[in-house]
Each structure stands twice: as structure tokens, then as C-alpha cells.
Amino acid sequence: MTASVPTAGTRRRLSHQSRGAVVARYAILIAAAAYFVGPILWLVAAASKTSAAVVSTPAWSLQGFQLLTNLHDLVTYDGGIYLRWALNSVGYAVLGALVGTLVAGMGGYYISLFRFRGRDALFAIVLGGVLVPTTALALPLFLLFAQVNLTDTFWAVFLPSVINPFAFFLSRVAADASVPIEVVESARVDGAGETRIFFSIASRLMLPGLVTVFLTQFVGIWNNFLLPVVMLNDDATYPLTLGLYTWNAQIPQAPALQSLVLIGSVVSIAPLAVAFLALQRFWRNGLNAGAVKA
């Protein structure tokens, strides 16, 4: 039996089809990049202008450029309240993500490596929590925290942010993918306790997945708006999302706030970009593991 050899015309058609597919893929990627990056570039350009120039000059024009002045006004306005909001956001997001990752990591490890009655039912309940919209939980959480006089405090935003069913699911996937039961049993035979096994062995094997959980938690808490707007009344406890929202609502009465809202929005993106650039290797590995095991 002999294999057929493509003719010259067939090879040319295949070559044209291949080039056409490459061009189509690049066109789609360029369009997607423009769709996602375009608004960010506009925001950066607008944030470097005066409030008057934002509405009177073309989007990409640098007329009225005063980026450094806008930054100075941002950090000095109203006694530097923006810096207070930024510090609050860092506290909510970093501490909430760290504690939430620890809780989710330990829970996912336990549900993955241990066999006990009701394990599948418990995991199904956790997955059911992923389907509950945050809007449905806002009022019950407010009433619960009001009963213990914790509304308008750091804890009203921090504590609900620690528990995340989706983070628990990701941790369980990470444990399934990276922690062999043989390693755990060998550690038990050597006399290691369960706490030591988790922190010394399992957490290191789960590191890519745990970093993915951390980033998911960090981004979710940093961008959280509904919970702070329900829980907080004192502007000294606001995160950046709520603080910028209050400034934006005041623009009709104080048009000068428009440039502060724009430059404040740009600055608020910076921590997210830094986190992704610093941890993207772990983020990619964690997502790949989840895609294989889920």
C-alpha cells in the first residue's frame, strides 16, 4: 500500500489555507486586545489631563497634560483621604486573601485526602455556595453584623471576605492534583502529625494552586463594592472602590473631582497588575492543574 503524495496544487491550497487561518487568529487576537486594553489606555490618557481637557480634547490627545499635578492633588485632597482608602483596601485584600487562602487550603486538603461519612454531601453544599449570588447575602450579613455591633468596622468587610466557596473548590482541585496519598501516609508512618504534614509537605506541593486561590481572593476583595457599601458609613473605613464611587457621585457639585476619580482609578489598578505580574507563573500552573482535574 503506497501513501499518496500531495500534488503541487494541493500543497499551495493547504499553504494558502494555513496562512489564512494564521491571519484570522491574529486578527481575532488583535481585536480582543484592543477591546480589553483600549479602555485602560483611554483611562491612563484621561487621567493625565485637566478636568476641562478630558471633555474638550480628543481621547488620545495629550493637551492639558498634568499627570504629576493630578497625582499630587490625589494624595493631598481632603487631608489625604485617598491614601487612607488605599491602606484600607490593602488591609482588606491582603489579609483577607492570606487568611482566606489558608482556610480554603486546609479545607480543600482535608476534603481531598480524608475519607469520612458525608464528605461528598459536604462538598456538594460548598459547591452550592458558589451558585448563591453575593447580592442575596448582603442583607443577611448586614443584619447579622448589626446584632453584634460590628457594622461600620474593619471586621464587617474582612470576615465575610475570608470564606469563599470557589476558593475551597480550587484548593480541593489543587490537593487532588498535587498531593499523593502515598506521601501523606509515609509522613504519618514517620510520626508527623496532620498539621505538620499540611504545612511542611502538602502546602508546598499545592503552592501553584494556593497562589491561584490567593490571586482569586485578592482580586475579588480588592474589587468588592457591594459589601462595603452595605456595611460601611464612615469614610475613614472605605476601600478604594467605595471611596472613588462617592467622589464620582459628587462630580455634578464639584467638577474638579473628575480628574481625581480618573487618576485614582488608574492608581487603584496598579496593585492588581503588580500581583499578576509577580505571580503569573503560579497562576498559570494552577489554572492548568484545575483544567486537567476538574
C-alpha atoms as a PDB file:
ATOM      1  CA  MET A   1       0.000   0.000   0.000  1.00  0.00           C
ATOM      2  CA  THR A   2       1.527   3.314  -1.037  1.00  0.00           C
ATOM      3  CA  ALA A   3       0.862   6.665   0.555  1.00  0.00           C
ATOM      4  CA  SER A   4      -0.493   9.331  -1.735  1.00  0.00           C
ATOM      5  CA  VAL A   5       1.754  12.337  -2.264  1.00  0.00           C
ATOM      6  CA  PRO A   6       0.050  15.765  -2.325  1.00  0.00           C
ATOM      7  CA  THR A   7       0.299  17.477  -5.673  1.00  0.00           C
ATOM      8  CA  ALA A   8       1.776  20.940  -6.069  1.00  0.00           C
ATOM      9  CA  GLY A   9      -1.683  22.454  -6.382  1.00  0.00           C
ATOM     10  CA  THR A  10      -2.857  20.720  -3.216  1.00  0.00           C
ATOM     11  CA  ARG A  11       0.211  21.948  -1.326  1.00  0.00           C
ATOM     12  CA  ARG A  12      -0.435  25.506  -2.492  1.00  0.00           C
ATOM     13  CA  ARG A  13      -4.070  25.315  -1.378  1.00  0.00           C
ATOM     14  CA  LEU A  14      -3.028  23.955   2.025  1.00  0.00           C
ATOM     15  CA  SER A  15      -0.403  26.686   2.340  1.00  0.00           C
ATOM     16  CA  HIS A  16      -2.974  29.395   1.495  1.00  0.00           C
ATOM     17  CA  GLN A  17      -5.456  27.897   3.961  1.00  0.00           C
ATOM     18  CA  SER A  18      -2.769  27.765   6.670  1.00  0.00           C
ATOM     19  CA  ARG A  19      -1.810  31.408   6.097  1.00  0.00           C
ATOM     20  CA  GLY A  20      -5.468  32.395   6.109  1.00  0.00           C
ATOM     21  CA  ALA A  21      -6.020  30.626   9.440  1.00  0.00           C
ATOM     22  CA  VAL A  22      -2.973  32.352  10.942  1.00  0.00           C
ATOM     23  CA  VAL A  23      -4.156  35.757   9.719  1.00  0.00           C
ATOM     24  CA  ALA A  24      -7.641  35.110  11.111  1.00  0.00           C
ATOM     25  CA  ARG A  25      -6.239  34.100  14.511  1.00  0.00           C
ATOM     26  CA  TYR A  26      -4.043  37.174  14.690  1.00  0.00           C
ATOM     27  CA  ALA A  27      -6.943  39.399  13.660  1.00  0.00           C
ATOM     28  CA  ILE A  28      -9.104  37.950  16.442  1.00  0.00           C
ATOM     29  CA  LEU A  29      -6.305  38.357  18.992  1.00  0.00           C
ATOM     30  CA  ILE A  30      -5.657  41.977  17.940  1.00  0.00           C
ATOM     31  CA  ALA A  31      -9.374  42.775  18.151  1.00  0.00           C
ATOM     32  CA  ALA A  32      -9.607  41.176  21.596  1.00  0.00           C
ATOM     33  CA  ALA A  33      -6.519  43.072  22.785  1.00  0.00           C
ATOM     34  CA  ALA A  34      -7.968  46.352  21.523  1.00  0.00           C
ATOM     35  CA  TYR A  35     -11.263  45.608  23.257  1.00  0.00           C
ATOM     36  CA  PHE A  36      -9.641  44.937  26.631  1.00  0.00           C
ATOM     37  CA  VAL A  37      -6.630  47.256  26.535  1.00  0.00           C
ATOM     38  CA  GLY A  38      -8.270  50.190  24.734  1.00  0.00           C
ATOM     39  CA  PRO A  39     -10.360  51.385  27.707  1.00  0.00           C
ATOM     40  CA  ILE A  40      -7.330  51.133  30.000  1.00  0.00           C
ATOM     41  CA  LEU A  41      -5.218  53.223  27.626  1.00  0.00           C
ATOM     42  CA  TRP A  42      -8.010  55.782  27.422  1.00  0.00           C
ATOM     43  CA  LEU A  43      -8.236  55.859  31.210  1.00  0.00           C
ATOM     44  CA  VAL A  44      -4.482  56.451  31.532  1.00  0.00           C
ATOM     45  CA  ALA A  45      -4.608  59.222  28.919  1.00  0.00           C
ATOM     46  CA  ALA A  46      -7.629  60.881  30.524  1.00  0.00           C
ATOM     47  CA  ALA A  47      -6.097  60.633  33.994  1.00  0.00           C
ATOM     48  CA  SER A  48      -3.136  62.747  32.866  1.00  0.00           C
ATOM     49  CA  LYS A  49      -5.310  65.709  31.788  1.00  0.00           C
ATOM     50  CA  THR A  50      -7.168  68.501  33.488  1.00  0.00           C
ATOM     51  CA  SER A  51     -10.889  68.002  34.046  1.00  0.00           C
ATOM     52  CA  ALA A  52     -11.644  70.540  31.307  1.00  0.00           C
ATOM     53  CA  ALA A  53      -9.297  68.846  28.826  1.00  0.00           C
ATOM     54  CA  VAL A  54     -10.949  65.462  29.384  1.00  0.00           C
ATOM     55  CA  VAL A  55     -14.205  66.652  27.819  1.00  0.00           C
ATOM     56  CA  SER A  56     -12.802  69.175  25.342  1.00  0.00           C
ATOM     57  CA  THR A  57      -9.912  67.305  23.698  1.00  0.00           C
ATOM     58  CA  PRO A  58      -9.693  64.047  21.689  1.00  0.00           C
ATOM     59  CA  ALA A  59      -9.325  60.881  23.713  1.00  0.00           C
ATOM     60  CA  TRP A  60      -5.674  60.266  22.800  1.00  0.00           C
ATOM     61  CA  SER A  61      -4.589  63.893  22.834  1.00  0.00           C
ATOM     62  CA  LEU A  62      -2.002  64.974  25.421  1.00  0.00           C
ATOM     63  CA  GLN A  63      -3.305  68.513  25.509  1.00  0.00           C
ATOM     64  CA  GLY A  64      -3.688  69.667  29.094  1.00  0.00           C
ATOM     65  CA  PHE A  65      -1.147  67.099  30.300  1.00  0.00           C
ATOM     66  CA  GLN A  66      -0.538  67.381  34.063  1.00  0.00           C
ATOM     67  CA  LEU A  67      -0.054  63.869  35.379  1.00  0.00           C
ATOM     68  CA  LEU A  68       2.211  64.830  38.274  1.00  0.00           C
ATOM     69  CA  THR A  69      -0.144  67.602  39.342  1.00  0.00           C
ATOM     70  CA  ASN A  70      -3.077  65.197  39.309  1.00  0.00           C
ATOM     71  CA  LEU A  71      -1.135  62.707  41.410  1.00  0.00           C
ATOM     72  CA  HIS A  72      -0.249  65.424  43.924  1.00  0.00           C
ATOM     73  CA  ASP A  73      -3.865  66.565  44.112  1.00  0.00           C
ATOM     74  CA  LEU A  74      -4.990  62.964  44.562  1.00  0.00           C
ATOM     75  CA  VAL A  75      -2.842  62.264  47.625  1.00  0.00           C
ATOM     76  CA  THR A  76      -3.442  65.671  49.243  1.00  0.00           C
ATOM     77  CA  TYR A  77      -7.169  66.148  48.662  1.00  0.00           C
ATOM     78  CA  ASP A  78      -9.281  66.200  51.838  1.00  0.00           C
ATOM     79  CA  GLY A  79      -6.314  65.557  54.093  1.00  0.00           C
ATOM     80  CA  GLY A  80      -5.037  62.607  52.053  1.00  0.00           C
ATOM     81  CA  ILE A  81      -8.195  60.532  52.386  1.00  0.00           C
ATOM     82  CA  TYR A  82      -7.282  58.596  49.215  1.00  0.00           C
ATOM     83  CA  LEU A  83      -4.198  57.184  50.928  1.00  0.00           C
ATOM     84  CA  ARG A  84      -6.400  56.088  53.826  1.00  0.00           C
ATOM     85  CA  TRP A  85      -8.732  54.319  51.402  1.00  0.00           C
ATOM     86  CA  ALA A  86      -5.751  52.658  49.698  1.00  0.00           C
ATOM     87  CA  LEU A  87      -4.451  51.450  53.066  1.00  0.00           C
ATOM     88  CA  ASN A  88      -7.892  50.088  53.906  1.00  0.00           C
ATOM     89  CA  SER A  89      -8.037  48.232  50.582  1.00  0.00           C
ATOM     90  CA  VAL A  90      -4.609  46.728  51.197  1.00  0.00           C
ATOM     91  CA  GLY A  91      -5.719  45.582  54.643  1.00  0.00           C
ATOM     92  CA  TYR A  92      -8.975  44.097  53.412  1.00  0.00           C
ATOM     93  CA  ALA A  93      -7.464  42.427  50.335  1.00  0.00           C
ATOM     94  CA  VAL A  94      -4.065  41.218  51.544  1.00  0.00           C
ATOM     95  CA  LEU A  95      -5.140  39.997  54.975  1.00  0.00           C
ATOM     96  CA  GLY A  96      -8.421  38.636  53.645  1.00  0.00           C
ATOM     97  CA  ALA A  97      -6.677  36.801  50.812  1.00  0.00           C
ATOM     98  CA  LEU A  98      -3.986  35.353  53.098  1.00  0.00           C
ATOM     99  CA  VAL A  99      -6.419  34.117  55.734  1.00  0.00           C
ATOM    100  CA  GLY A 100      -8.919  33.002  53.095  1.00  0.00           C
ATOM    101  CA  THR A 101      -6.222  31.051  51.261  1.00  0.00           C
ATOM    102  CA  LEU A 102      -5.169  29.348  54.493  1.00  0.00           C
ATOM    103  CA  VAL A 103      -8.756  28.401  55.359  1.00  0.00           C
ATOM    104  CA  ALA A 104      -9.570  27.245  51.833  1.00  0.00           C
ATOM    105  CA  GLY A 105      -6.261  25.381  51.500  1.00  0.00           C
ATOM    106  CA  MET A 106      -6.726  23.451  54.719  1.00  0.00           C
ATOM    107  CA  GLY A 107     -10.360  22.711  53.881  1.00  0.00           C
ATOM    108  CA  GLY A 108      -9.576  21.571  50.353  1.00  0.00           C
ATOM    109  CA  TYR A 109      -6.717  19.389  51.581  1.00  0.00           C
ATOM    110  CA  TYR A 110      -8.910  17.802  54.240  1.00  0.00           C
ATOM    111  CA  ILE A 111     -11.818  17.083  51.905  1.00  0.00           C
ATOM    112  CA  SER A 112      -9.430  15.627  49.309  1.00  0.00           C
ATOM    113  CA  LEU A 113      -7.179  13.398  51.437  1.00  0.00           C
ATOM    114  CA  PHE A 114      -9.532  12.234  54.192  1.00  0.00           C
ATOM    115  CA  ARG A 115     -12.389   9.785  53.879  1.00  0.00           C
ATOM    116  CA  PHE A 116     -15.339  10.297  56.220  1.00  0.00           C
ATOM    117  CA  ARG A 117     -19.103   9.926  56.205  1.00  0.00           C
ATOM    118  CA  GLY A 118     -20.869  12.794  54.465  1.00  0.00           C
ATOM    119  CA  ARG A 119     -17.767  14.001  52.636  1.00  0.00           C
ATOM    120  CA  ASP A 120     -19.448  14.176  49.224  1.00  0.00           C
ATOM    121  CA  ALA A 121     -22.534  15.842  50.692  1.00  0.00           C
ATOM    122  CA  LEU A 122     -20.356  18.453  52.402  1.00  0.00           C
ATOM    123  CA  PHE A 123     -18.511  19.198  49.183  1.00  0.00           C
ATOM    124  CA  ALA A 124     -21.815  19.457  47.301  1.00  0.00           C
ATOM    125  CA  ILE A 125     -23.027  22.030  49.844  1.00  0.00           C
ATOM    126  CA  VAL A 126     -19.839  24.035  49.337  1.00  0.00           C
ATOM    127  CA  LEU A 127     -20.300  23.944  45.566  1.00  0.00           C
ATOM    128  CA  GLY A 128     -23.887  25.061  46.080  1.00  0.00           C
ATOM    129  CA  GLY A 129     -22.486  28.116  47.836  1.00  0.00           C
ATOM    130  CA  VAL A 130     -20.765  29.114  44.594  1.00  0.00           C
ATOM    131  CA  LEU A 131     -24.191  29.477  42.977  1.00  0.00           C
ATOM    132  CA  VAL A 132     -25.529  31.877  45.624  1.00  0.00           C
ATOM    133  CA  PRO A 133     -25.209  35.485  44.367  1.00  0.00           C
ATOM    134  CA  THR A 134     -23.496  37.948  46.678  1.00  0.00           C
ATOM    135  CA  THR A 135     -26.484  40.286  46.429  1.00  0.00           C
ATOM    136  CA  ALA A 136     -28.611  37.645  48.178  1.00  0.00           C
ATOM    137  CA  LEU A 137     -26.168  37.537  51.111  1.00  0.00           C
ATOM    138  CA  ALA A 138     -25.651  41.273  51.602  1.00  0.00           C
ATOM    139  CA  LEU A 139     -28.742  41.971  53.706  1.00  0.00           C
ATOM    140  CA  PRO A 140     -28.486  38.844  55.930  1.00  0.00           C
ATOM    141  CA  LEU A 141     -24.817  39.642  56.576  1.00  0.00           C
ATOM    142  CA  PHE A 142     -25.669  43.227  57.476  1.00  0.00           C
ATOM    143  CA  LEU A 143     -28.379  42.118  59.920  1.00  0.00           C
ATOM    144  CA  LEU A 144     -26.030  39.532  61.441  1.00  0.00           C
ATOM    145  CA  PHE A 145     -23.185  42.009  61.962  1.00  0.00           C
ATOM    146  CA  ALA A 146     -25.606  44.643  63.253  1.00  0.00           C
ATOM    147  CA  GLN A 147     -26.649  42.237  66.016  1.00  0.00           C
ATOM    148  CA  VAL A 148     -23.056  42.102  67.289  1.00  0.00           C
ATOM    149  CA  ASN A 149     -22.312  45.820  66.656  1.00  0.00           C
ATOM    150  CA  LEU A 150     -19.669  45.160  64.016  1.00  0.00           C
ATOM    151  CA  THR A 151     -21.127  47.196  61.164  1.00  0.00           C
ATOM    152  CA  ASP A 152     -19.044  50.177  60.047  1.00  0.00           C
ATOM    153  CA  THR A 153     -15.867  48.419  61.204  1.00  0.00           C
ATOM    154  CA  PHE A 154     -12.937  46.668  59.556  1.00  0.00           C
ATOM    155  CA  TRP A 155     -14.352  43.276  60.578  1.00  0.00           C
ATOM    156  CA  ALA A 156     -17.614  43.826  58.703  1.00  0.00           C
ATOM    157  CA  VAL A 157     -15.739  43.636  55.398  1.00  0.00           C
ATOM    158  CA  PHE A 158     -12.832  41.411  56.419  1.00  0.00           C
ATOM    159  CA  LEU A 159     -14.660  38.456  57.982  1.00  0.00           C
ATOM    160  CA  PRO A 160     -17.147  37.751  55.134  1.00  0.00           C
ATOM    161  CA  SER A 161     -14.279  38.001  52.627  1.00  0.00           C
ATOM    162  CA  VAL A 162     -12.354  35.173  54.289  1.00  0.00           C
ATOM    163  CA  ILE A 163     -14.845  32.441  53.325  1.00  0.00           C
ATOM    164  CA  ASN A 164     -15.114  31.769  49.599  1.00  0.00           C
ATOM    165  CA  PRO A 165     -16.692  28.524  48.291  1.00  0.00           C
ATOM    166  CA  PHE A 166     -14.934  28.860  44.944  1.00  0.00           C
ATOM    167  CA  ALA A 167     -11.558  29.117  46.691  1.00  0.00           C
ATOM    168  CA  PHE A 168     -12.422  25.953  48.606  1.00  0.00           C
ATOM    169  CA  PHE A 169     -13.183  24.207  45.315  1.00  0.00           C
ATOM    170  CA  LEU A 170      -9.885  25.340  43.771  1.00  0.00           C
ATOM    171  CA  SER A 171      -7.998  24.119  46.833  1.00  0.00           C
ATOM    172  CA  ARG A 172      -9.639  20.719  46.635  1.00  0.00           C
ATOM    173  CA  VAL A 173      -8.658  20.516  42.944  1.00  0.00           C
ATOM    174  CA  ALA A 174      -5.079  21.512  43.807  1.00  0.00           C
ATOM    175  CA  ALA A 175      -4.872  18.873  46.531  1.00  0.00           C
ATOM    176  CA  ASP A 176      -6.259  16.179  44.215  1.00  0.00           C
ATOM    177  CA  ALA A 177      -3.742  17.096  41.527  1.00  0.00           C
ATOM    178  CA  SER A 178      -0.568  17.558  43.544  1.00  0.00           C
ATOM    179  CA  VAL A 179      -0.663  15.704  46.886  1.00  0.00           C
ATOM    180  CA  PRO A 180      -0.164  11.915  46.512  1.00  0.00           C
ATOM    181  CA  ILE A 181      -1.775   9.932  49.300  1.00  0.00           C
ATOM    182  CA  GLU A 182       1.394   7.807  49.464  1.00  0.00           C
ATOM    183  CA  VAL A 183       3.431  10.832  50.541  1.00  0.00           C
ATOM    184  CA  VAL A 184       0.946  11.654  53.291  1.00  0.00           C
ATOM    185  CA  GLU A 185       0.876   8.068  54.546  1.00  0.00           C
ATOM    186  CA  SER A 186       4.681   7.919  54.595  1.00  0.00           C
ATOM    187  CA  ALA A 187       4.781  11.073  56.687  1.00  0.00           C
ATOM    188  CA  ARG A 188       2.254   9.585  59.098  1.00  0.00           C
ATOM    189  CA  VAL A 189       4.362   6.436  59.416  1.00  0.00           C
ATOM    190  CA  ASP A 190       7.352   8.638  60.265  1.00  0.00           C
ATOM    191  CA  GLY A 191       5.348  10.148  63.115  1.00  0.00           C
ATOM    192  CA  ALA A 192       4.368  13.503  61.602  1.00  0.00           C
ATOM    193  CA  GLY A 193       1.082  14.990  62.776  1.00  0.00           C
ATOM    194  CA  GLU A 194      -1.607  16.181  60.389  1.00  0.00           C
ATOM    195  CA  THR A 195      -0.847  19.861  60.980  1.00  0.00           C
ATOM    196  CA  ARG A 196       2.836  19.344  60.281  1.00  0.00           C
ATOM    197  CA  ILE A 197       2.055  17.294  57.172  1.00  0.00           C
ATOM    198  CA  PHE A 198      -0.090  20.083  55.775  1.00  0.00           C
ATOM    199  CA  PHE A 199       2.316  22.959  56.437  1.00  0.00           C
ATOM    200  CA  SER A 200       5.565  21.090  55.710  1.00  0.00           C
ATOM    201  CA  ILE A 201       4.560  18.890  52.784  1.00  0.00           C
ATOM    202  CA  ALA A 202       1.071  19.424  51.363  1.00  0.00           C
ATOM    203  CA  SER A 203       1.155  23.221  51.254  1.00  0.00           C
ATOM    204  CA  ARG A 204       4.414  23.151  49.293  1.00  0.00           C
ATOM    205  CA  LEU A 205       3.054  20.649  46.793  1.00  0.00           C
ATOM    206  CA  MET A 206      -0.145  22.710  46.491  1.00  0.00           C
ATOM    207  CA  LEU A 207       1.733  26.016  46.093  1.00  0.00           C
ATOM    208  CA  PRO A 208       0.705  26.782  42.466  1.00  0.00           C
ATOM    209  CA  GLY A 209      -2.924  26.100  43.317  1.00  0.00           C
ATOM    210  CA  LEU A 210      -2.747  28.099  46.540  1.00  0.00           C
ATOM    211  CA  VAL A 211      -1.274  31.069  44.684  1.00  0.00           C
ATOM    212  CA  THR A 212      -4.186  30.827  42.267  1.00  0.00           C
ATOM    213  CA  VAL A 213      -6.556  30.845  45.240  1.00  0.00           C
ATOM    214  CA  PHE A 214      -4.724  33.849  46.720  1.00  0.00           C
ATOM    215  CA  LEU A 215      -4.991  35.828  43.485  1.00  0.00           C
ATOM    216  CA  THR A 216      -8.662  34.951  43.121  1.00  0.00           C
ATOM    217  CA  GLN A 217      -9.321  36.090  46.675  1.00  0.00           C
ATOM    218  CA  PHE A 218      -7.168  39.204  46.345  1.00  0.00           C
ATOM    219  CA  VAL A 219      -8.824  40.404  43.140  1.00  0.00           C
ATOM    220  CA  GLY A 220     -12.309  39.663  44.436  1.00  0.00           C
ATOM    221  CA  ILE A 221     -11.781  41.535  47.705  1.00  0.00           C
ATOM    222  CA  TRP A 222      -9.932  44.436  46.083  1.00  0.00           C
ATOM    223  CA  ASN A 223     -12.768  44.975  43.593  1.00  0.00           C
ATOM    224  CA  ASN A 224     -15.524  44.340  46.130  1.00  0.00           C
ATOM    225  CA  PHE A 225     -18.088  47.129  46.180  1.00  0.00           C
ATOM    226  CA  LEU A 226     -21.421  45.730  47.344  1.00  0.00           C
ATOM    227  CA  LEU A 227     -20.288  44.550  50.782  1.00  0.00           C
ATOM    228  CA  PRO A 228     -18.546  47.829  51.746  1.00  0.00           C
ATOM    229  CA  VAL A 229     -21.460  49.945  50.525  1.00  0.00           C
ATOM    230  CA  VAL A 230     -23.838  47.912  52.697  1.00  0.00           C
ATOM    231  CA  MET A 231     -21.629  47.678  55.779  1.00  0.00           C
ATOM    232  CA  LEU A 232     -19.762  50.994  55.961  1.00  0.00           C
ATOM    233  CA  ASN A 233     -20.871  54.552  56.667  1.00  0.00           C
ATOM    234  CA  ASP A 234     -17.668  56.180  57.951  1.00  0.00           C
ATOM    235  CA  ASP A 235     -15.494  57.298  55.028  1.00  0.00           C
ATOM    236  CA  ALA A 236     -12.397  56.545  57.120  1.00  0.00           C
ATOM    237  CA  THR A 237     -13.170  52.824  56.707  1.00  0.00           C
ATOM    238  CA  TYR A 238     -13.926  52.935  52.973  1.00  0.00           C
ATOM    239  CA  PRO A 239     -11.909  50.863  50.480  1.00  0.00           C
ATOM    240  CA  LEU A 240     -10.886  52.446  47.186  1.00  0.00           C
ATOM    241  CA  THR A 241     -13.922  51.151  45.305  1.00  0.00           C
ATOM    242  CA  LEU A 242     -16.398  52.849  47.617  1.00  0.00           C
ATOM    243  CA  GLY A 243     -14.278  55.973  48.050  1.00  0.00           C
ATOM    244  CA  LEU A 244     -13.979  56.565  44.312  1.00  0.00           C
ATOM    245  CA  TYR A 245     -17.714  55.923  43.958  1.00  0.00           C
ATOM    246  CA  THR A 246     -18.511  58.663  46.478  1.00  0.00           C
ATOM    247  CA  TRP A 247     -16.220  61.096  44.650  1.00  0.00           C
ATOM    248  CA  ASN A 248     -17.814  60.204  41.332  1.00  0.00           C
ATOM    249  CA  ALA A 249     -21.272  60.885  42.791  1.00  0.00           C
ATOM    250  CA  GLN A 250     -20.109  64.372  43.845  1.00  0.00           C
ATOM    251  CA  ILE A 251     -18.823  65.422  40.392  1.00  0.00           C
ATOM    252  CA  PRO A 252     -22.006  67.387  39.469  1.00  0.00           C
ATOM    253  CA  GLN A 253     -21.422  69.598  42.524  1.00  0.00           C
ATOM    254  CA  ALA A 254     -17.592  69.544  42.346  1.00  0.00           C
ATOM    255  CA  PRO A 255     -16.395  69.070  38.717  1.00  0.00           C
ATOM    256  CA  ALA A 256     -12.746  69.185  39.813  1.00  0.00           C
ATOM    257  CA  LEU A 257     -13.230  65.713  41.306  1.00  0.00           C
ATOM    258  CA  GLN A 258     -13.433  64.224  37.816  1.00  0.00           C
ATOM    259  CA  SER A 259      -9.662  64.287  37.331  1.00  0.00           C
ATOM    260  CA  LEU A 260      -9.195  62.815  40.817  1.00  0.00           C
ATOM    261  CA  VAL A 261     -11.584  59.960  40.055  1.00  0.00           C
ATOM    262  CA  LEU A 262      -9.716  59.190  36.834  1.00  0.00           C
ATOM    263  CA  ILE A 263      -6.214  59.277  38.287  1.00  0.00           C
ATOM    264  CA  GLY A 264      -7.449  57.452  41.392  1.00  0.00           C
ATOM    265  CA  SER A 265      -8.857  54.678  39.206  1.00  0.00           C
ATOM    266  CA  VAL A 266      -5.521  54.304  37.413  1.00  0.00           C
ATOM    267  CA  VAL A 267      -3.596  54.104  40.685  1.00  0.00           C
ATOM    268  CA  SER A 268      -6.052  51.556  42.070  1.00  0.00           C
ATOM    269  CA  ILE A 269      -5.283  49.215  39.152  1.00  0.00           C
ATOM    270  CA  ALA A 270      -1.554  49.176  39.891  1.00  0.00           C
ATOM    271  CA  PRO A 271      -1.617  46.661  42.801  1.00  0.00           C
ATOM    272  CA  LEU A 272      -3.617  44.191  40.699  1.00  0.00           C
ATOM    273  CA  ALA A 273      -1.139  44.483  37.829  1.00  0.00           C
ATOM    274  CA  VAL A 274       1.811  44.018  40.186  1.00  0.00           C
ATOM    275  CA  ALA A 275       0.214  40.957  41.796  1.00  0.00           C
ATOM    276  CA  PHE A 276      -0.479  39.304  38.447  1.00  0.00           C
ATOM    277  CA  LEU A 277       2.970  40.048  37.024  1.00  0.00           C
ATOM    278  CA  ALA A 278       4.701  38.787  40.155  1.00  0.00           C
ATOM    279  CA  LEU A 279       2.640  35.602  40.484  1.00  0.00           C
ATOM    280  CA  GLN A 280       1.639  34.854  36.888  1.00  0.00           C
ATOM    281  CA  ARG A 281       3.823  31.718  36.707  1.00  0.00           C
ATOM    282  CA  PHE A 282       2.000  30.158  39.657  1.00  0.00           C
ATOM    283  CA  TRP A 283      -1.345  31.443  38.367  1.00  0.00           C
ATOM    284  CA  ARG A 284      -0.836  29.727  35.008  1.00  0.00           C
ATOM    285  CA  ASN A 285       0.283  26.461  36.575  1.00  0.00           C
ATOM    286  CA  GLY A 286      -2.649  26.461  38.977  1.00  0.00           C
ATOM    287  CA  LEU A 287      -5.171  27.044  36.216  1.00  0.00           C
ATOM    288  CA  ASN A 288      -3.629  24.286  34.115  1.00  0.00           C
ATOM    289  CA  ALA A 289      -3.903  21.827  37.000  1.00  0.00           C
ATOM    290  CA  GLY A 290      -7.537  22.778  37.517  1.00  0.00           C
ATOM    291  CA  ALA A 291      -8.310  22.306  33.834  1.00  0.00           C
ATOM    292  CA  VAL A 292      -6.870  18.804  33.894  1.00  0.00           C
ATOM    293  CA  LYS A 293      -8.518  17.591  37.105  1.00  0.00           C
ATOM    294  CA  ALA A 294     -11.861  19.395  37.138  1.00  0.00           C
END
